[in-house]
Amino acid sequence: MTLTPPPLSNDCFALPAGVNWTPVDEALALLRDRLGPVTGAETVPLANALGRVLAQDAVAKRANPPLPNTAVDGYGFAGGKPEGPHVLPLVAGRAAAGVPFDAQVPAGRAIRVLTGAALPDGVDTVILEEDVNTDGTQIAFNGPLKHGANTRKAGEDVCADDVILPAGRVITPADLALASATGLAELTVRLPLRVGVLSTGDELVEAGAPAGRGQIFDANRPMLLALIRQLGFVPVDLGKAVDNREALRAHLDGAVSRTDMILTSGGASAGDEDHMSALLQEAGAMQEWRIALKPGRPLALGMWQGTPVFGLPGNPVAALVCTLIFARPSMGLLAGAGWQAPQGFEVPAAFEKRKKPGRREYLRARMRDGKAEVFKSEGSGRISGLSWAEGLVELGDGAAEIRPGDPVRFLPYGSFFM
C-alpha cells in the first residue's frame, strides 16, 4: 500500500498580523492546527510493527473468542441449576482447548471440559471441578448454579470487523497480542519519522577534539540526537555547519532527502552570523516566533524545500526546553501519531519563588520525598542542571509567589516519550 500525505505549505508557520509576543498556549495551538502527517506508509509483519504508528485502522478478521468456550476446568451441561443436590451422568469423552468434542451432549447429561475448550453442542454452563464429586460415570454437586456460569461467549471481547486499533496509535506489545488474537498477521504503519539535527557556529568543536581559545564543545547535537531516539523517532546526524551561508545551504540541501523534519541550533536570530534565519528568509518561509517563555523565547520556524525546520536557541537548556515543549508534539503530528501533550502532575513544591507576569517559565526539577525540588540556579548556561533534573516544573503565564508546600505542575521527562 502506498500512502502519500499532502505537503505542508510554505506559510504554515505564519503568525497572524500584528502579533509580537506569542503566549505558549497560542504557539502550541498554531502548531497543532497547521501541521499534519508527512510520512508515507508500508505494510509490515506483526513482528516488525512494535513502536510504529498505525497508518489506518486495524480491523479484526475474526472474533475473540471465536467460539463459546469454558473459562475453567470442570464439567459442562445445559442450563443453570437451582439450589439443592444434583446428579448428572457423564457422556464418554471430553472437550479440551484445540481438541473439540464434535458430538451433541444430550439434555440432562454432562461432559468433562478443560479451560479454553470450545463448548460442545448442548453445553452452555460449566461447574468448577473443585465443586464436584465424581466416580467417572456421573457427577454430584450442589446448586444453585447460574445459567452460563464459567463460560465465555463468542466475540465477548472483540467481534469480527471491529476496529481494534485506531489509526495514529503507536503499537505496543499488548496491541500485537490483540492483533494476533483477531487473525491479523500484518499491519499498515507509517514510515518512521526521520528527524535531522544540525549544529551551527564557528565556535563549536566535537567532543574530545582540540578546543582553541573561544571555542566550545557541541553539547546540543549529542543531546538532541539521543532525545529523538528515546522519543521513538529516527535521528539523522547532519553534523556541524560553520558560519558560512553557502556551507549551511549545502548542509540543508543535502538533508532534505534524508529527513522529514530538521532541528537546528544556533544562528536563528537576526545578527550578522545568523545565517539560518537569513536562508529561511531567502526561501520565503521564515517566521521568528517570539514566544513568551523562559528559557527560550525566539524560535525560528520555516520550510526548506518542503521540509519543516525548527531553529532552536543555541543554549542547551533553552534548546532542550523548546524541543520538549514545541518540537516534540509537532513530531507526533508529522509522524501521524497526533498531538501528544505531556502528562503533568500536581505536586507540592519544595522551593520558594516569586515570578513576574507575562511569560511562562520552565524550571529544571526532580521529585524527592514526594515534593518537587528545582535546580539551584535558573541560569540557562548551567548544563549540569539538565542532567540533575528528572523533568520540568511549569509555571503559568501570570504572576506567582510560590512557597514550600504550594501545588505546582511537574512534567516528568518520561511523559514526553511515545
Protein backbone atom coordinates (compact mmCIF):
# COMPACT_ATOMS: atom_id res chain seq x y z
CA MET A 1 0.00 0.00 0.00
CA THR A 2 1.22 3.49 -0.85
CA LEU A 3 0.08 6.43 1.25
CA THR A 4 1.33 9.88 0.27
CA PRO A 5 0.42 12.72 2.64
CA PRO A 6 -0.14 16.23 1.31
CA PRO A 7 2.87 18.59 1.56
CA LEU A 8 2.98 21.32 4.17
CA SER A 9 2.52 24.84 2.84
CA ASN A 10 5.38 27.33 2.95
CA ASP A 11 3.32 29.70 5.10
CA CYS A 12 2.19 27.11 7.66
CA PHE A 13 4.19 28.90 10.38
CA ALA A 14 2.96 32.41 9.58
CA LEU A 15 1.69 34.34 12.59
CA PRO A 16 -1.46 36.48 12.46
CA ALA A 17 -0.82 40.12 11.57
CA GLY A 18 0.22 42.32 14.45
CA VAL A 19 1.45 39.52 16.69
CA ASN A 20 4.69 40.35 18.52
CA TRP A 21 4.86 38.14 21.61
CA THR A 22 3.10 34.80 21.41
CA PRO A 23 1.89 33.05 24.57
CA VAL A 24 2.95 29.42 24.85
CA ASP A 25 -0.59 28.04 24.54
CA GLU A 26 -1.22 30.08 21.38
CA ALA A 27 2.04 28.89 19.84
CA LEU A 28 1.13 25.29 20.61
CA ALA A 29 -2.35 25.76 19.14
CA LEU A 30 -0.87 27.17 15.93
CA LEU A 31 1.43 24.18 15.55
CA ARG A 32 -1.39 21.75 16.32
CA ASP A 33 -3.69 23.32 13.74
CA ARG A 34 -1.17 23.74 10.91
CA LEU A 35 0.95 20.60 10.96
CA GLY A 36 -0.03 17.14 9.80
CA PRO A 37 1.44 13.78 8.77
CA VAL A 38 4.34 13.93 6.31
CA THR A 39 5.37 10.27 6.30
CA GLY A 40 4.29 7.57 3.87
CA ALA A 41 3.13 4.07 4.82
CA GLU A 42 4.05 0.44 4.42
CA THR A 43 2.60 -2.91 5.46
CA VAL A 44 4.78 -4.95 7.80
CA PRO A 45 4.51 -8.26 9.69
CA LEU A 46 3.40 -8.02 13.30
CA ALA A 47 6.94 -8.81 14.43
CA ASN A 48 8.14 -5.56 12.83
CA ALA A 49 5.29 -3.32 13.99
CA LEU A 50 6.31 -2.57 17.59
CA GLY A 51 6.65 1.16 18.19
CA ARG A 52 5.35 2.06 14.72
CA VAL A 53 2.41 4.40 14.07
CA LEU A 54 -0.70 2.84 12.53
CA ALA A 55 -1.48 4.43 9.17
CA GLN A 56 -5.03 3.07 9.06
CA ASP A 57 -7.47 1.42 11.44
CA ALA A 58 -6.71 -2.21 12.26
CA VAL A 59 -9.86 -4.32 11.83
CA ALA A 60 -10.41 -7.74 13.41
CA LYS A 61 -10.59 -10.58 10.91
CA ARG A 62 -12.38 -12.84 13.37
CA ALA A 63 -13.98 -12.67 16.80
CA ASN A 64 -12.21 -13.18 20.09
CA PRO A 65 -13.08 -15.69 21.38
CA PRO A 66 -14.03 -17.20 18.02
CA LEU A 67 -16.36 -19.73 19.68
CA PRO A 68 -18.11 -20.02 23.06
CA ASN A 69 -15.65 -21.67 25.45
CA THR A 70 -15.08 -22.64 29.03
CA ALA A 71 -13.21 -20.36 31.42
CA VAL A 72 -12.29 -23.15 33.89
CA ASP A 73 -11.58 -26.85 34.21
CA GLY A 74 -14.81 -28.63 35.16
CA TYR A 75 -17.96 -30.20 33.76
CA GLY A 76 -20.36 -28.76 31.21
CA PHE A 77 -24.07 -29.23 30.69
CA ALA A 78 -27.16 -27.30 29.61
CA GLY A 79 -28.88 -24.72 31.77
CA GLY A 80 -28.44 -23.45 35.29
CA LYS A 81 -29.32 -25.48 38.37
CA PRO A 82 -31.49 -24.49 41.33
CA GLU A 83 -30.48 -24.78 44.96
CA GLY A 84 -30.05 -28.33 46.25
CA PRO A 85 -28.19 -31.52 45.26
CA HIS A 86 -27.83 -32.61 41.64
CA VAL A 87 -26.53 -35.79 39.99
CA LEU A 88 -25.82 -35.96 36.24
CA PRO A 89 -24.49 -38.91 34.22
CA LEU A 90 -21.34 -38.26 32.14
CA VAL A 91 -21.00 -38.81 28.41
CA ALA A 92 -17.85 -40.52 27.22
CA GLY A 93 -15.04 -38.22 26.08
CA ARG A 94 -14.05 -34.67 26.89
CA ALA A 95 -13.55 -31.22 25.33
CA ALA A 96 -10.09 -29.61 25.54
CA ALA A 97 -8.51 -26.48 24.06
CA GLY A 98 -7.81 -27.25 20.41
CA VAL A 99 -9.49 -30.68 20.69
CA PRO A 100 -13.25 -30.06 20.48
CA PHE A 101 -15.96 -32.63 21.26
CA ASP A 102 -17.84 -32.96 17.99
CA ALA A 103 -20.99 -34.74 19.15
CA GLN A 104 -24.11 -33.38 20.87
CA VAL A 105 -24.31 -33.60 24.67
CA PRO A 106 -27.85 -34.80 25.47
CA ALA A 107 -30.02 -32.81 27.86
CA GLY A 108 -29.63 -33.97 31.43
CA ARG A 109 -26.07 -35.21 30.91
CA ALA A 110 -22.63 -33.63 31.47
CA ILE A 111 -19.18 -33.78 29.89
CA ARG A 112 -15.66 -33.18 31.13
CA VAL A 113 -14.30 -29.80 29.84
CA LEU A 114 -10.91 -28.13 30.21
CA THR A 115 -10.07 -24.42 30.25
CA GLY A 116 -10.27 -22.80 26.81
CA ALA A 117 -12.21 -25.66 25.21
CA ALA A 118 -14.95 -24.78 22.74
CA LEU A 119 -18.30 -25.61 24.34
CA PRO A 120 -19.81 -28.72 22.76
CA ASP A 121 -23.30 -28.53 21.30
CA GLY A 122 -25.75 -28.88 24.15
CA VAL A 123 -23.47 -27.22 26.72
CA ASP A 124 -23.85 -23.61 27.92
CA THR A 125 -22.94 -23.83 31.62
CA VAL A 126 -19.84 -25.14 33.43
CA ILE A 127 -19.25 -26.04 37.07
CA LEU A 128 -15.76 -25.95 38.56
CA GLU A 129 -14.20 -29.33 39.16
CA GLU A 130 -13.49 -28.31 42.78
CA ASP A 131 -17.27 -28.17 43.38
CA VAL A 132 -17.92 -31.68 42.04
CA ASN A 133 -17.61 -35.24 43.24
CA THR A 134 -17.36 -37.93 40.54
CA ASP A 135 -16.88 -41.66 40.17
CA GLY A 136 -16.05 -41.39 36.47
CA THR A 137 -19.55 -42.18 35.28
CA GLN A 138 -21.54 -39.39 36.92
CA ILE A 139 -21.07 -36.13 38.84
CA ALA A 140 -22.70 -34.84 42.01
CA PHE A 141 -22.79 -31.22 43.14
CA ASN A 142 -24.90 -28.67 44.99
CA GLY A 143 -26.74 -25.76 43.42
CA PRO A 144 -27.51 -23.03 42.82
CA LEU A 145 -25.52 -22.54 39.62
CA LYS A 146 -26.30 -19.65 37.28
CA HIS A 147 -27.08 -20.36 33.65
CA GLY A 148 -23.95 -19.60 31.58
CA ALA A 149 -21.63 -19.76 34.60
CA ASN A 150 -17.87 -20.11 33.94
CA THR A 151 -18.19 -19.70 30.18
CA ARG A 152 -17.12 -17.09 27.64
CA LYS A 153 -19.37 -16.03 24.79
CA ALA A 154 -18.11 -15.86 21.22
CA GLY A 155 -17.00 -12.31 20.48
CA GLU A 156 -17.49 -11.10 24.04
CA ASP A 157 -14.06 -9.44 23.80
CA VAL A 158 -13.96 -8.44 20.10
CA CYS A 159 -16.33 -9.12 17.23
CA ALA A 160 -15.21 -9.73 13.66
CA ASP A 161 -14.91 -6.47 11.70
CA ASP A 162 -14.49 -4.40 14.88
CA VAL A 163 -11.85 -1.67 14.80
CA ILE A 164 -9.37 -2.97 17.35
CA LEU A 165 -6.67 -0.28 16.98
CA PRO A 166 -7.24 3.24 15.60
CA ALA A 167 -5.06 4.95 13.03
CA GLY A 168 -2.41 7.05 14.72
CA ARG A 169 -1.82 4.63 17.58
CA VAL A 170 1.76 3.78 18.49
CA ILE A 171 1.88 -0.02 18.58
CA THR A 172 2.60 -1.66 21.96
CA PRO A 173 3.34 -5.32 22.80
CA ALA A 174 -0.25 -5.68 24.06
CA ASP A 175 -1.53 -4.36 20.71
CA LEU A 176 0.39 -7.12 18.95
CA ALA A 177 -1.33 -9.71 21.14
CA LEU A 178 -4.75 -8.27 20.25
CA ALA A 179 -3.95 -8.13 16.53
CA SER A 180 -2.71 -11.69 16.50
CA ALA A 181 -5.69 -12.99 18.51
CA THR A 182 -8.09 -11.49 15.99
CA GLY A 183 -6.41 -13.05 12.96
CA LEU A 184 -4.13 -10.25 11.74
CA ALA A 185 -0.65 -11.17 10.52
CA GLU A 186 0.43 -7.69 9.40
CA LEU A 187 -0.37 -4.02 9.96
CA THR A 188 -0.17 -0.92 7.78
CA VAL A 189 2.07 1.55 9.55
CA ARG A 190 3.64 4.89 8.76
CA LEU A 191 7.27 5.10 7.82
CA PRO A 192 9.37 6.22 10.79
CA LEU A 193 9.75 9.97 11.13
CA ARG A 194 13.34 10.99 10.36
CA VAL A 195 14.48 13.98 12.37
CA GLY A 196 17.72 15.65 11.39
CA VAL A 197 19.90 17.56 13.87
CA LEU A 198 22.29 20.26 12.69
CA SER A 199 24.54 22.42 14.85
CA THR A 200 25.82 25.74 13.53
CA GLY A 201 28.62 28.03 14.61
CA ASP A 202 32.37 28.54 14.18
CA GLU A 203 32.80 28.28 17.94
CA LEU A 204 31.72 24.63 18.06
CA VAL A 205 34.09 21.65 18.07
CA GLU A 206 33.41 17.95 18.51
CA ALA A 207 33.73 16.49 21.99
CA GLY A 208 37.30 15.29 22.54
CA ALA A 209 38.74 17.42 19.72
CA PRO A 210 41.28 20.16 20.46
CA ALA A 211 39.42 23.30 21.53
CA GLY A 212 41.02 26.63 20.84
CA ARG A 213 40.51 29.88 22.67
CA GLY A 214 36.86 30.92 22.43
CA GLN A 215 35.68 27.51 21.22
CA ILE A 216 33.22 25.23 23.00
CA PHE A 217 32.24 21.60 22.62
CA ASP A 218 29.00 20.87 20.77
CA ALA A 219 26.58 19.78 23.52
CA ASN A 220 23.32 20.21 21.62
CA ARG A 221 23.79 17.68 18.84
CA PRO A 222 24.52 14.60 21.00
CA MET A 223 21.72 15.62 23.37
CA LEU A 224 19.12 16.10 20.65
CA LEU A 225 20.09 13.01 18.65
CA ALA A 226 19.77 10.86 21.75
CA LEU A 227 16.48 12.52 22.71
CA ILE A 228 14.99 11.85 19.27
CA ARG A 229 15.93 8.18 19.52
CA GLN A 230 14.46 7.99 23.02
CA LEU A 231 11.25 9.63 21.79
CA GLY A 232 10.83 6.81 19.27
CA PHE A 233 11.84 8.62 16.09
CA VAL A 234 14.83 8.13 13.77
CA PRO A 235 17.70 10.54 14.44
CA VAL A 236 19.74 11.74 11.48
CA ASP A 237 23.08 13.35 12.32
CA LEU A 238 23.56 16.31 9.97
CA GLY A 239 26.84 17.31 11.55
CA LYS A 240 28.05 20.85 12.15
CA ALA A 241 27.95 23.82 9.79
CA VAL A 242 30.39 26.70 10.06
CA ASP A 243 29.20 30.29 9.97
CA ASN A 244 29.15 30.46 6.20
CA ARG A 245 25.90 30.87 4.32
CA GLU A 246 26.79 28.72 1.33
CA ALA A 247 28.13 25.93 3.54
CA LEU A 248 24.90 25.99 5.52
CA ARG A 249 22.87 25.98 2.32
CA ALA A 250 24.74 22.87 1.19
CA HIS A 251 24.00 21.16 4.52
CA LEU A 252 20.29 21.89 4.20
CA ASP A 253 20.16 20.86 0.54
CA GLY A 254 21.76 17.53 1.41
CA ALA A 255 19.44 16.99 4.37
CA VAL A 256 16.04 17.22 2.69
CA SER A 257 16.25 13.81 1.01
CA ARG A 258 17.23 12.14 4.30
CA THR A 259 14.87 13.83 6.74
CA ASP A 260 11.22 14.65 7.34
CA MET A 261 11.99 17.39 9.86
CA ILE A 262 15.13 19.33 10.80
CA LEU A 263 16.20 20.72 14.16
CA THR A 264 18.95 23.31 14.09
CA SER A 265 20.59 25.08 16.99
CA GLY A 266 22.26 28.47 16.75
CA GLY A 267 22.14 31.07 14.02
CA ALA A 268 18.40 31.59 14.30
CA SER A 269 18.27 35.25 15.35
CA ALA A 270 18.93 38.35 13.27
CA GLY A 271 22.65 39.00 13.78
CA ASP A 272 25.41 39.18 11.18
CA GLU A 273 26.28 35.49 11.64
CA ASP A 274 22.71 34.20 11.94
CA HIS A 275 22.75 32.55 8.54
CA MET A 276 19.96 30.07 9.29
CA SER A 277 17.42 32.85 9.64
CA ALA A 278 18.75 34.55 6.52
CA LEU A 279 18.49 31.39 4.41
CA LEU A 280 14.95 30.68 5.56
CA GLN A 281 14.03 34.27 4.81
CA GLU A 282 15.56 33.86 1.36
CA ALA A 283 13.45 30.74 0.81
CA GLY A 284 10.34 32.79 1.60
CA ALA A 285 9.35 30.57 4.50
CA MET A 286 10.89 32.08 7.62
CA GLN A 287 8.96 33.05 10.74
CA GLU A 288 10.54 34.10 14.00
CA TRP A 289 8.18 33.35 16.85
CA ARG A 290 8.97 35.46 19.89
CA ILE A 291 7.39 33.25 22.49
CA ALA A 292 6.66 34.45 25.99
CA LEU A 293 8.60 31.80 27.85
CA LYS A 294 11.77 31.29 29.85
CA PRO A 295 14.13 29.80 28.81
CA GLY A 296 13.89 30.03 25.03
CA ARG A 297 11.88 32.93 23.61
CA PRO A 298 12.98 33.15 19.95
CA LEU A 299 12.02 30.12 17.88
CA ALA A 300 12.76 30.27 14.15
CA LEU A 301 10.37 28.19 12.05
CA GLY A 302 10.42 27.67 8.33
CA MET A 303 10.41 25.31 5.37
CA TRP A 304 13.38 24.20 3.31
CA GLN A 305 12.35 22.55 0.05
CA GLY A 306 9.20 21.26 1.74
CA THR A 307 10.88 20.08 4.94
CA PRO A 308 9.89 21.83 8.19
CA VAL A 309 12.81 23.40 10.07
CA PHE A 310 12.76 24.24 13.77
CA GLY A 311 15.51 26.75 14.55
CA LEU A 312 16.28 26.25 18.24
CA PRO A 313 18.22 28.57 20.52
CA GLY A 314 21.91 27.72 20.78
CA ASN A 315 21.86 27.48 24.56
CA PRO A 316 21.49 23.79 25.51
CA VAL A 317 18.99 24.45 28.32
CA ALA A 318 16.76 26.54 26.05
CA ALA A 319 17.27 24.09 23.18
CA LEU A 320 16.04 21.16 25.27
CA VAL A 321 13.06 23.05 26.70
CA CYS A 322 11.95 24.27 23.26
CA THR A 323 12.38 20.78 21.81
CA LEU A 324 10.26 19.17 24.52
CA ILE A 325 7.54 21.81 24.61
CA PHE A 326 7.22 22.69 20.90
CA ALA A 327 9.12 20.27 18.68
CA ARG A 328 8.10 17.06 20.49
CA PRO A 329 4.31 17.35 19.96
CA SER A 330 4.99 18.59 16.42
CA MET A 331 6.98 15.41 15.75
CA GLY A 332 3.93 13.39 16.80
CA LEU A 333 1.77 15.20 14.25
CA LEU A 334 4.33 14.85 11.48
CA ALA A 335 4.74 11.14 12.31
CA GLY A 336 0.98 10.56 12.08
CA ALA A 337 0.54 9.84 15.80
CA GLY A 338 -1.39 13.04 16.51
CA TRP A 339 -0.74 15.79 19.00
CA GLN A 340 0.68 14.30 22.19
CA ALA A 341 0.74 16.73 25.09
CA PRO A 342 2.89 15.70 28.07
CA GLN A 343 1.09 14.48 31.16
CA GLY A 344 1.65 16.78 34.12
CA PHE A 345 1.17 16.05 37.81
CA GLU A 346 0.25 18.46 40.58
CA VAL A 347 2.75 18.05 43.38
CA PRO A 348 3.82 20.13 46.38
CA ALA A 349 6.77 22.47 45.89
CA ALA A 350 9.96 22.10 47.88
CA PHE A 351 11.14 25.59 46.90
CA GLU A 352 10.32 29.28 47.08
CA LYS A 353 10.00 31.53 44.04
CA ARG A 354 8.48 34.86 43.11
CA LYS A 355 7.52 35.08 39.44
CA LYS A 356 6.59 38.15 37.42
CA PRO A 357 3.63 38.05 34.99
CA GLY A 358 3.95 37.95 31.22
CA ARG A 359 5.66 34.69 30.32
CA ARG A 360 5.64 31.01 31.14
CA GLU A 361 8.63 29.53 32.91
CA TYR A 362 10.09 26.03 32.95
CA LEU A 363 12.35 25.13 35.85
CA ARG A 364 14.63 22.11 35.90
CA ALA A 365 13.22 19.91 38.63
CA ARG A 366 13.17 16.50 40.24
CA MET A 367 10.98 14.68 42.76
CA ARG A 368 12.30 13.91 46.24
CA ASP A 369 10.19 12.76 49.21
CA GLY A 370 7.02 13.48 47.25
CA LYS A 371 7.94 17.12 46.53
CA ALA A 372 9.38 18.97 43.53
CA GLU A 373 12.87 20.34 44.00
CA VAL A 374 14.27 22.84 41.49
CA PHE A 375 17.87 23.31 40.41
CA LYS A 376 19.87 25.77 42.48
CA SER A 377 20.31 28.18 39.57
CA GLU A 378 17.97 29.28 36.79
CA GLY A 379 20.92 30.29 34.61
CA SER A 380 20.49 28.96 31.08
CA GLY A 381 24.19 28.17 30.83
CA ARG A 382 24.06 25.63 33.67
CA ILE A 383 24.02 22.43 31.59
CA SER A 384 24.60 20.37 34.74
CA GLY A 385 21.04 21.23 35.74
CA LEU A 386 19.69 19.27 32.77
CA SER A 387 21.49 16.16 33.96
CA TRP A 388 20.46 16.80 37.57
CA ALA A 389 16.78 17.17 36.69
CA GLU A 390 14.16 14.48 36.11
CA GLY A 391 11.67 16.83 34.46
CA LEU A 392 10.37 20.37 34.40
CA VAL A 393 8.19 22.42 36.72
CA GLU A 394 5.85 24.53 34.60
CA LEU A 395 4.83 27.92 35.99
CA GLY A 396 1.91 29.64 34.27
CA ASP A 397 1.86 32.93 32.41
CA GLY A 398 0.66 35.02 35.35
CA ALA A 399 2.42 36.27 38.45
CA ALA A 400 3.07 33.76 41.20
CA GLU A 401 4.57 33.61 44.65
CA ILE A 402 5.37 30.01 45.47
CA ARG A 403 6.16 28.77 48.95
CA PRO A 404 7.11 25.26 50.10
CA GLY A 405 4.04 23.03 50.04
CA ASP A 406 2.20 25.02 47.37
CA PRO A 407 0.96 22.94 44.41
CA VAL A 408 2.99 23.16 41.19
CA ARG A 409 2.79 21.29 37.87
CA PHE A 410 5.59 18.77 37.32
CA LEU A 411 6.29 17.34 33.84
CA PRO A 412 8.50 14.23 34.10
CA TYR A 413 10.85 13.76 31.17
CA GLY A 414 9.20 10.36 30.65
CA SER A 415 5.83 11.98 29.94
CA PHE A 416 7.20 13.30 26.63
CA PHE A 417 8.01 9.83 25.25
CA MET A 418 5.77 7.87 22.87
